[in-house]
Amino acid sequence: MNTQEFDRRRQRLMEQMGDNSVAILPAAPVRFRNRDVEHHYRQDSDFYYLTGFPEPEAVALIKPGREHGEYILFCRERDRDSEIWTGARAGQEGAVEDYAADDSFPIDDIDEILPGMLEGVDRVFYTMGIQPDFDQHVIHWVNHLRKQSRAGVHTPGEFVALDHILHDMRLFKSSHEIKAMRKAAQISAAAHCRAMQACKPGKKEYQIEAELLHTFMTEGSRFPAYASIVGGGANACILHYTDNTDALKNGDLLLIDAGAEFDYYASDITRTFPVNGKFSKAQAELYQIVLDAQLAAIEQVKPGNHWNDPHEAAVKVMTQGLIDVGILNGKLDTLIKKEAYKPYYMHRTGHWLGMDVHDVGDYKIEDEWRLLEPGMTMTVEPGLYIPAGTKGVDKKWWDIGIRIEDDVLVTKDGYDVLSCDAPKEIAAIESLMGQA
């Protein structure tokens, strides 16, 4: 994205902050995998959303009305010796020229410079509790000013949760964001297709995961948006299974929940298909229930409906389907009221999607489900899970785990399924796998 997109976001934030205020955002810290081996660095989503700056050891300060520039970036200085080991740094010049900061100062000077920028403001917008170590720095800076109050120094009197404003902004996607999310979904759909064609009895789950990662990177995504779930047979009934170590068995289903991240935006797709390329009768019956539930839920994604409408639609179709195949007995409305479906469908039908795979944004406002509006992006992902030993359920249904998940954008007229390139109809899946 170009710097203008980030500038627009900062301007929108400052309009809501008002005068005599300042926002402080720290970059994500470096995380260690073991000893001195670092995880690949990924910038904090809130920080990146407002700055586009990808480096660690940085702090962004946004101060509406500041005479010498409203966006200040503290970051590492250029250092030839360090850059030989870990790569180029933007430095102060790059922060201004490449990332559109109005001013930039060395991060090592922040204790001397930043407290002065808090002087005279009434409100500090900051998210407490995410980085406890940095919280202590902020408290120290404010207390340092308070000690000077007898000398007439005006100190901030109010802390405001920055995430309350910022996360509502992030909930509504711009055209630039939608373009990135569409690309992420296209890459992920291609990866799911490759996985279907590569799947064979006897292969390890991680070998199928390797096919996903191969496509992600080949198509332009450097990393997955989250740890891929590749669960065959009984493992498909473990909602967050990520070991991906078992061999795939003939006659089992394989559930893959995997999505690429592109330009800091996540995709999140789940497909379930037969390891041998052909659904058994029992598998097909349950699969069609889940697919029908998902299609009904997607139809409820439109402006004016509330967040829970898709879930309610999925529950109704799912419960009726379980009645039809004899897993549940009773009247539909009574079973829904009793939540009789929950032993087999225990999660909700979706979540917000964006820079984070479980993205930010309130689901309720004043205890009422939030109304859907254009620009919101969500997943729709009903599922059925019947592990072996489930009491009162015929053994033919055991170890069948099915989830079908798509990325759905709310448009002005209804919805747009961003992940539509990944097949999910039974015939389409079997046809694709048969071509391998």
Protein backbone atom coordinates (compact mmCIF):
# COMPACT_ATOMS: atom_id res chain seq x y z
CA MET A 1 0.00 0.00 0.00
CA ASN A 2 1.20 3.55 -0.64
CA THR A 3 1.87 6.07 2.12
CA GLN A 4 -1.33 7.97 1.31
CA GLU A 5 -3.43 5.08 2.62
CA PHE A 6 -1.66 5.21 5.98
CA ASP A 7 -1.90 9.00 6.06
CA ARG A 8 -5.68 8.81 5.56
CA ARG A 9 -5.93 6.41 8.46
CA ARG A 10 -3.95 8.69 10.74
CA GLN A 11 -6.11 11.65 9.74
CA ARG A 12 -9.29 9.70 10.53
CA LEU A 13 -7.87 8.73 13.90
CA MET A 14 -6.90 12.31 14.76
CA GLU A 15 -10.38 13.55 13.87
CA GLN A 16 -11.77 11.25 16.55
CA MET A 17 -9.05 11.99 19.09
CA GLY A 18 -9.69 15.72 19.16
CA ASP A 19 -7.39 18.54 20.25
CA ASN A 20 -4.94 18.43 23.16
CA SER A 21 -4.41 14.70 22.78
CA VAL A 22 -1.70 12.25 21.78
CA ALA A 23 -1.68 8.61 20.70
CA ILE A 24 1.24 6.29 21.49
CA LEU A 25 1.79 2.99 19.70
CA PRO A 26 4.76 0.65 20.26
CA ALA A 27 5.98 -1.75 17.60
CA ALA A 28 5.80 -5.48 18.25
CA PRO A 29 8.79 -6.83 20.19
CA VAL A 30 11.08 -9.46 18.74
CA ARG A 31 10.06 -12.95 19.89
CA PHE A 32 12.45 -15.82 20.41
CA ARG A 33 11.77 -19.38 19.29
CA ASN A 34 14.55 -20.85 21.42
CA ARG A 35 17.72 -19.48 22.95
CA ASP A 36 19.00 -16.84 20.50
CA VAL A 37 16.92 -17.97 17.51
CA GLU A 38 14.26 -15.41 16.66
CA HIS A 39 10.85 -16.04 15.19
CA HIS A 40 10.37 -14.27 11.88
CA TYR A 41 9.41 -10.71 12.77
CA ARG A 42 5.85 -9.63 12.08
CA GLN A 43 4.81 -6.08 12.96
CA ASP A 44 1.96 -5.40 15.40
CA SER A 45 -1.24 -5.00 13.37
CA ASP A 46 -2.38 -1.74 15.00
CA PHE A 47 1.08 -0.21 14.60
CA TYR A 48 1.36 -1.26 10.96
CA TYR A 49 -2.21 -0.15 10.19
CA LEU A 50 -1.28 3.45 11.02
CA THR A 51 2.36 3.55 9.91
CA GLY A 52 3.24 0.87 7.38
CA PHE A 53 6.56 0.65 9.21
CA PRO A 54 7.86 -2.96 9.40
CA GLU A 55 10.79 -2.72 11.83
CA PRO A 56 10.99 -3.61 15.54
CA GLU A 57 12.22 -1.23 18.26
CA ALA A 58 9.97 1.61 17.15
CA VAL A 59 7.32 3.85 18.69
CA ALA A 60 4.80 5.95 16.79
CA LEU A 61 3.42 9.16 18.29
CA ILE A 62 0.40 10.87 16.73
CA LYS A 63 -0.32 14.36 18.02
CA PRO A 64 -3.11 16.36 16.34
CA GLY A 65 -2.22 20.00 15.71
CA ARG A 66 1.50 19.70 16.46
CA GLU A 67 3.20 22.62 14.73
CA HIS A 68 6.19 20.66 13.47
CA GLY A 69 4.26 17.63 12.27
CA GLU A 70 1.59 15.38 13.70
CA TYR A 71 3.22 11.99 13.04
CA ILE A 72 6.48 11.26 14.87
CA LEU A 73 8.36 7.98 14.54
CA PHE A 74 11.03 6.85 16.97
CA CYS A 75 13.10 4.09 15.38
CA ARG A 76 16.59 2.60 15.20
CA GLU A 77 19.41 4.62 13.74
CA ARG A 78 21.35 3.42 10.74
CA ASP A 79 24.26 1.29 11.94
CA ARG A 80 26.60 -0.28 9.44
CA ASP A 81 27.89 -3.02 11.76
CA SER A 82 24.39 -4.09 12.84
CA GLU A 83 23.05 -3.95 9.30
CA ILE A 84 25.74 -6.36 8.12
CA TRP A 85 24.25 -8.95 10.47
CA THR A 86 20.51 -8.26 10.30
CA GLY A 87 19.81 -6.17 7.22
CA ALA A 88 19.13 -2.57 6.28
CA ARG A 89 17.33 -0.15 8.59
CA ALA A 90 15.26 2.84 7.58
CA GLY A 91 16.89 5.15 10.08
CA GLN A 92 15.61 8.68 10.65
CA GLU A 93 15.99 9.72 7.02
CA GLY A 94 14.16 6.66 5.73
CA ALA A 95 11.38 7.06 8.30
CA VAL A 96 10.60 10.47 6.81
CA GLU A 97 11.29 9.82 3.12
CA ASP A 98 9.98 6.26 2.79
CA TYR A 99 7.35 6.06 5.54
CA ALA A 100 6.07 9.65 5.52
CA ALA A 101 6.83 10.49 9.14
CA ASP A 102 6.81 14.23 9.81
CA ASP A 103 9.65 13.82 12.27
CA SER A 104 11.85 10.94 13.33
CA PHE A 105 14.15 10.50 16.31
CA PRO A 106 16.44 7.69 17.45
CA ILE A 107 14.65 5.19 19.65
CA ASP A 108 17.51 5.42 22.16
CA ASP A 109 16.57 9.08 22.76
CA ILE A 110 12.91 8.43 23.49
CA ASP A 111 13.17 8.93 27.26
CA GLU A 112 14.56 12.42 26.71
CA ILE A 113 12.21 13.52 23.92
CA LEU A 114 8.82 11.86 24.34
CA PRO A 115 7.89 13.22 27.82
CA GLY A 116 8.10 16.74 26.42
CA MET A 117 5.58 15.79 23.75
CA LEU A 118 3.14 14.73 26.46
CA GLU A 119 3.36 18.09 28.17
CA GLY A 120 0.27 20.20 27.65
CA VAL A 121 -2.04 17.43 26.42
CA ASP A 122 -5.23 16.43 28.21
CA ARG A 123 -5.68 12.89 26.91
CA VAL A 124 -3.30 10.05 26.11
CA PHE A 125 -4.66 7.40 23.76
CA TYR A 126 -2.89 4.16 24.50
CA THR A 127 -3.75 0.45 24.79
CA MET A 128 -2.72 -0.86 28.19
CA GLY A 129 -1.93 -4.50 28.88
CA ILE A 130 -0.69 -5.65 25.47
CA GLN A 131 2.97 -4.94 26.19
CA PRO A 132 3.38 -4.74 29.99
CA ASP A 133 7.04 -3.68 29.76
CA PHE A 134 6.15 -0.74 27.55
CA ASP A 135 3.24 0.14 29.85
CA GLN A 136 5.83 0.88 32.50
CA HIS A 137 7.63 3.29 30.19
CA VAL A 138 4.41 5.22 29.53
CA ILE A 139 3.61 5.40 33.23
CA HIS A 140 7.17 6.54 33.96
CA TRP A 141 6.93 9.35 31.38
CA VAL A 142 3.64 10.63 32.78
CA ASN A 143 4.85 10.42 36.38
CA HIS A 144 8.00 12.30 35.40
CA LEU A 145 5.81 15.17 34.21
CA ARG A 146 3.58 15.06 37.28
CA LYS A 147 6.59 15.65 39.48
CA GLN A 148 7.00 18.96 37.67
CA SER A 149 3.39 20.09 38.16
CA ARG A 150 4.35 22.60 40.88
CA ALA A 151 6.47 24.30 38.26
CA GLY A 152 3.40 24.75 36.10
CA VAL A 153 3.88 21.74 33.85
CA HIS A 154 0.49 20.59 32.54
CA THR A 155 0.22 16.79 32.66
CA PRO A 156 -2.28 14.47 30.94
CA GLY A 157 -5.34 13.92 33.08
CA GLU A 158 -6.96 11.11 31.16
CA PHE A 159 -5.92 7.82 29.58
CA VAL A 160 -8.21 6.61 26.78
CA ALA A 161 -8.18 3.10 25.31
CA LEU A 162 -6.81 3.59 21.82
CA ASP A 163 -8.06 0.21 20.66
CA HIS A 164 -11.70 1.29 21.14
CA ILE A 165 -11.37 3.80 18.29
CA LEU A 166 -8.73 2.07 16.21
CA HIS A 167 -10.37 -1.34 16.13
CA ASP A 168 -13.64 0.11 14.95
CA MET A 169 -11.72 1.77 12.12
CA ARG A 170 -10.08 -1.53 11.21
CA LEU A 171 -13.46 -3.26 11.03
CA PHE A 172 -14.36 -1.37 7.84
CA LYS A 173 -12.09 -2.29 4.94
CA SER A 174 -10.98 0.20 2.29
CA SER A 175 -10.66 -0.70 -1.39
CA HIS A 176 -6.91 -1.20 -0.83
CA GLU A 177 -7.56 -3.62 2.02
CA ILE A 178 -10.21 -5.54 0.09
CA LYS A 179 -7.80 -5.91 -2.83
CA ALA A 180 -5.17 -7.42 -0.50
CA MET A 181 -7.71 -9.74 1.13
CA ARG A 182 -9.00 -10.90 -2.23
CA LYS A 183 -5.45 -11.72 -3.31
CA ALA A 184 -4.82 -13.60 -0.05
CA ALA A 185 -8.00 -15.62 -0.60
CA GLN A 186 -7.08 -16.40 -4.22
CA ILE A 187 -3.66 -17.66 -3.16
CA SER A 188 -5.22 -19.78 -0.42
CA ALA A 189 -7.85 -21.21 -2.76
CA ALA A 190 -5.11 -22.29 -5.16
CA ALA A 191 -3.27 -23.92 -2.26
CA HIS A 192 -6.38 -25.86 -1.22
CA CYS A 193 -6.81 -27.09 -4.80
CA ARG A 194 -3.19 -28.23 -4.88
CA ALA A 195 -3.66 -30.04 -1.56
CA MET A 196 -6.72 -31.88 -2.87
CA GLN A 197 -4.81 -33.11 -5.90
CA ALA A 198 -1.73 -34.07 -3.90
CA CYS A 199 -3.68 -36.05 -1.31
CA LYS A 200 -3.24 -39.82 -1.32
CA PRO A 201 -3.61 -42.55 1.32
CA GLY A 202 -0.33 -43.10 3.14
CA LYS A 203 0.95 -39.54 2.86
CA LYS A 204 1.70 -37.67 6.06
CA GLU A 205 -0.42 -34.71 7.05
CA TYR A 206 2.67 -32.50 7.05
CA GLN A 207 3.38 -33.48 3.46
CA ILE A 208 0.02 -31.99 2.50
CA GLU A 209 0.86 -28.96 4.62
CA ALA A 210 4.04 -28.61 2.55
CA GLU A 211 1.90 -28.41 -0.60
CA LEU A 212 -0.04 -25.54 0.95
CA LEU A 213 3.09 -23.64 1.92
CA HIS A 214 4.61 -24.23 -1.51
CA THR A 215 1.62 -22.56 -3.18
CA PHE A 216 1.50 -19.72 -0.66
CA MET A 217 5.08 -18.75 -1.39
CA THR A 218 4.99 -19.46 -5.12
CA GLU A 219 1.97 -17.19 -5.49
CA GLY A 220 3.37 -14.30 -3.47
CA SER A 221 2.54 -14.95 0.18
CA ARG A 222 5.63 -15.19 2.36
CA PHE A 223 3.86 -16.79 5.32
CA PRO A 224 0.60 -18.43 6.38
CA ALA A 225 -1.80 -16.26 8.34
CA TYR A 226 -1.88 -18.86 11.13
CA ALA A 227 -0.69 -22.38 11.87
CA SER A 228 -2.27 -24.68 9.29
CA ILE A 229 -4.67 -27.38 10.46
CA VAL A 230 -4.28 -30.57 8.42
CA GLY A 231 -6.26 -33.27 10.19
CA GLY A 232 -7.16 -36.66 8.78
CA GLY A 233 -9.80 -38.99 10.23
CA ALA A 234 -10.09 -38.60 14.00
CA ASN A 235 -7.81 -35.55 13.93
CA ALA A 236 -10.47 -33.65 11.98
CA CYS A 237 -12.58 -33.75 15.15
CA ILE A 238 -9.95 -31.71 17.04
CA LEU A 239 -10.88 -28.11 16.31
CA HIS A 240 -7.39 -26.62 16.60
CA TYR A 241 -5.29 -29.64 15.65
CA THR A 242 -1.89 -28.48 14.36
CA ASP A 243 0.47 -31.43 14.98
CA ASN A 244 -0.04 -32.55 11.35
CA THR A 245 2.10 -35.67 11.88
CA ASP A 246 -0.17 -38.66 11.18
CA ALA A 247 -0.44 -40.75 8.04
CA LEU A 248 -3.59 -40.34 5.96
CA LYS A 249 -5.82 -43.39 5.78
CA ASN A 250 -7.89 -44.71 2.92
CA GLY A 251 -11.58 -44.08 3.66
CA ASP A 252 -11.00 -41.11 5.97
CA LEU A 253 -11.81 -37.46 5.43
CA LEU A 254 -9.11 -34.79 5.56
CA LEU A 255 -9.95 -31.40 7.04
CA ILE A 256 -7.65 -28.52 6.07
CA ASP A 257 -8.00 -25.11 7.70
CA ALA A 258 -5.30 -22.93 6.15
CA GLY A 259 -4.89 -19.44 4.79
CA ALA A 260 -2.17 -17.23 3.38
CA GLU A 261 -1.27 -13.76 4.57
CA PHE A 262 -0.73 -11.20 1.82
CA ASP A 263 0.48 -7.66 2.47
CA TYR A 264 -0.43 -8.04 6.17
CA TYR A 265 -3.98 -9.27 5.44
CA ALA A 266 -5.21 -12.75 6.31
CA SER A 267 -7.30 -15.31 4.53
CA ASP A 268 -8.97 -18.18 6.36
CA ILE A 269 -10.36 -21.10 4.36
CA THR A 270 -11.41 -24.59 5.42
CA ARG A 271 -12.18 -27.45 3.09
CA THR A 272 -12.91 -31.09 3.91
CA PHE A 273 -12.48 -33.86 1.37
CA PRO A 274 -11.95 -37.66 1.13
CA VAL A 275 -8.38 -38.89 1.29
CA ASN A 276 -9.06 -41.35 -1.55
CA GLY A 277 -11.01 -38.87 -3.67
CA LYS A 278 -14.50 -40.33 -3.17
CA PHE A 279 -16.98 -39.55 -0.38
CA SER A 280 -18.61 -42.53 1.27
CA LYS A 281 -22.39 -42.45 1.63
CA ALA A 282 -22.19 -41.49 5.32
CA GLN A 283 -19.53 -38.86 4.69
CA ALA A 284 -21.53 -37.35 1.84
CA GLU A 285 -24.70 -37.17 3.94
CA LEU A 286 -23.03 -35.23 6.74
CA TYR A 287 -20.96 -33.13 4.35
CA GLN A 288 -24.09 -31.98 2.51
CA ILE A 289 -25.67 -30.93 5.82
CA VAL A 290 -22.67 -28.74 6.59
CA LEU A 291 -22.57 -27.31 3.08
CA ASP A 292 -26.29 -26.50 3.13
CA ALA A 293 -25.84 -24.84 6.51
CA GLN A 294 -22.95 -22.77 5.20
CA LEU A 295 -24.83 -21.67 2.08
CA ALA A 296 -27.82 -20.66 4.21
CA ALA A 297 -25.54 -18.70 6.54
CA ILE A 298 -23.83 -16.87 3.67
CA GLU A 299 -27.23 -15.76 2.37
CA GLN A 300 -27.72 -13.91 5.65
CA VAL A 301 -24.58 -11.81 5.13
CA LYS A 302 -26.01 -8.49 3.99
CA PRO A 303 -26.36 -4.92 5.26
CA GLY A 304 -29.06 -4.53 7.90
CA ASN A 305 -28.84 -8.08 9.19
CA HIS A 306 -27.10 -8.53 12.50
CA TRP A 307 -23.94 -10.45 13.29
CA ASN A 308 -25.76 -13.50 14.64
CA ASP A 309 -28.13 -13.98 11.69
CA PRO A 310 -25.71 -16.24 9.77
CA HIS A 311 -25.14 -18.38 12.88
CA GLU A 312 -28.85 -18.76 13.49
CA ALA A 313 -29.40 -19.81 9.88
CA ALA A 314 -26.60 -22.38 10.10
CA VAL A 315 -27.92 -23.81 13.37
CA LYS A 316 -31.40 -24.24 11.91
CA VAL A 317 -30.19 -26.11 8.83
CA MET A 318 -27.65 -28.13 10.81
CA THR A 319 -30.20 -29.23 13.42
CA GLN A 320 -32.74 -30.24 10.78
CA GLY A 321 -30.06 -32.20 8.97
CA LEU A 322 -29.12 -34.08 12.13
CA ILE A 323 -32.79 -34.92 12.61
CA ASP A 324 -33.04 -36.17 9.03
CA VAL A 325 -30.15 -38.62 9.43
CA GLY A 326 -31.31 -39.81 12.86
CA ILE A 327 -28.55 -38.36 15.02
CA LEU A 328 -31.07 -36.07 16.76
CA ASN A 329 -34.68 -36.84 17.60
CA GLY A 330 -37.41 -34.34 18.41
CA LYS A 331 -38.98 -31.14 17.15
CA LEU A 332 -36.71 -28.66 15.41
CA ASP A 333 -37.57 -25.60 17.50
CA THR A 334 -37.28 -27.52 20.76
CA LEU A 335 -33.92 -29.00 19.84
CA ILE A 336 -32.57 -25.57 18.83
CA LYS A 337 -33.79 -24.05 22.07
CA LYS A 338 -32.12 -26.85 24.05
CA GLU A 339 -28.95 -26.45 21.93
CA ALA A 340 -29.08 -30.18 21.22
CA TYR A 341 -26.73 -29.64 18.27
CA LYS A 342 -23.85 -28.45 20.47
CA PRO A 343 -22.22 -31.85 21.11
CA TYR A 344 -21.63 -32.02 17.34
CA TYR A 345 -21.39 -28.30 16.44
CA MET A 346 -19.81 -26.52 19.39
CA HIS A 347 -18.36 -23.35 17.84
CA ARG A 348 -19.85 -20.27 16.28
CA THR A 349 -20.31 -19.78 12.56
CA GLY A 350 -17.66 -17.13 12.00
CA HIS A 351 -15.49 -14.24 13.11
CA TRP A 352 -14.22 -10.93 11.79
CA LEU A 353 -11.33 -11.21 9.34
CA GLY A 354 -8.67 -8.68 8.41
CA MET A 355 -5.08 -8.02 9.43
CA ASP A 356 -5.56 -10.60 12.17
CA VAL A 357 -7.18 -13.90 11.32
CA HIS A 358 -9.50 -13.41 14.30
CA ASP A 359 -9.75 -9.74 13.62
CA VAL A 360 -10.66 -6.86 15.89
CA GLY A 361 -14.06 -5.19 16.21
CA ASP A 362 -17.03 -5.47 18.55
CA TYR A 363 -19.63 -8.15 17.89
CA LYS A 364 -22.16 -6.42 20.12
CA ILE A 365 -22.96 -2.79 20.83
CA GLU A 366 -24.77 -2.12 24.11
CA ASP A 367 -25.57 -5.83 24.42
CA GLU A 368 -27.19 -5.95 20.97
CA TRP A 369 -25.72 -7.86 18.03
CA ARG A 370 -23.96 -5.49 15.69
CA LEU A 371 -25.62 -4.77 12.36
CA LEU A 372 -23.64 -5.74 9.28
CA GLU A 373 -22.43 -2.89 7.08
CA PRO A 374 -20.58 -2.68 3.75
CA GLY A 375 -16.83 -3.09 4.14
CA MET A 376 -16.99 -5.60 6.98
CA THR A 377 -15.29 -8.94 6.27
CA MET A 378 -16.05 -12.16 8.07
CA THR A 379 -15.71 -15.90 7.88
CA VAL A 380 -18.63 -18.30 7.56
CA GLU A 381 -17.61 -21.73 8.88
CA PRO A 382 -20.15 -24.21 10.24
CA GLY A 383 -18.93 -27.70 11.08
CA LEU A 384 -19.88 -31.14 12.38
CA TYR A 385 -17.59 -33.27 14.55
CA ILE A 386 -18.37 -36.80 15.73
CA PRO A 387 -15.34 -38.45 17.37
CA ALA A 388 -15.26 -42.20 17.97
CA GLY A 389 -17.11 -43.23 21.09
CA THR A 390 -19.77 -40.52 20.85
CA LYS A 391 -22.65 -41.92 22.90
CA GLY A 392 -25.96 -42.50 21.20
CA VAL A 393 -24.54 -42.08 17.70
CA ASP A 394 -24.27 -44.92 15.17
CA LYS A 395 -20.67 -46.02 14.55
CA LYS A 396 -20.96 -45.22 10.85
CA TRP A 397 -20.73 -41.53 11.79
CA TRP A 398 -17.68 -41.89 14.08
CA ASP A 399 -14.46 -40.01 13.32
CA ILE A 400 -16.13 -37.79 10.78
CA GLY A 401 -15.09 -34.17 11.18
CA ILE A 402 -16.27 -31.61 8.63
CA ARG A 403 -15.87 -27.85 8.42
CA ILE A 404 -16.44 -25.61 5.40
CA GLU A 405 -15.18 -22.04 5.69
CA ASP A 406 -15.15 -19.08 3.34
CA ASP A 407 -14.11 -15.43 3.55
CA VAL A 408 -17.09 -13.17 2.93
CA LEU A 409 -17.19 -9.42 2.34
CA VAL A 410 -20.33 -7.44 3.14
CA THR A 411 -21.19 -5.32 0.09
CA LYS A 412 -23.80 -2.60 -0.37
CA ASP A 413 -26.14 -5.14 -2.01
CA GLY A 414 -25.29 -8.31 -0.09
CA TYR A 415 -22.09 -10.34 -0.03
CA ASP A 416 -19.01 -11.27 -2.01
CA VAL A 417 -17.32 -14.63 -1.31
CA LEU A 418 -13.63 -13.80 -1.66
CA SER A 419 -12.59 -17.46 -1.44
CA CYS A 420 -14.98 -18.76 -4.10
CA ASP A 421 -12.15 -20.31 -6.15
CA ALA A 422 -11.80 -23.19 -3.67
CA PRO A 423 -14.31 -25.92 -4.67
CA LYS A 424 -16.71 -27.15 -2.03
CA GLU A 425 -19.52 -28.99 -3.85
CA ILE A 426 -19.13 -32.76 -3.59
CA ALA A 427 -19.05 -33.28 -7.35
CA ALA A 428 -16.53 -30.46 -7.87
CA ILE A 429 -14.18 -31.84 -5.21
CA GLU A 430 -14.33 -35.39 -6.55
CA SER A 431 -13.79 -34.15 -10.10
CA LEU A 432 -10.74 -32.09 -9.13
CA MET A 433 -9.21 -34.94 -7.15
CA GLY A 434 -9.90 -37.33 -10.00
CA GLN A 435 -7.81 -35.19 -12.34
CA ALA A 436 -4.66 -35.67 -10.26
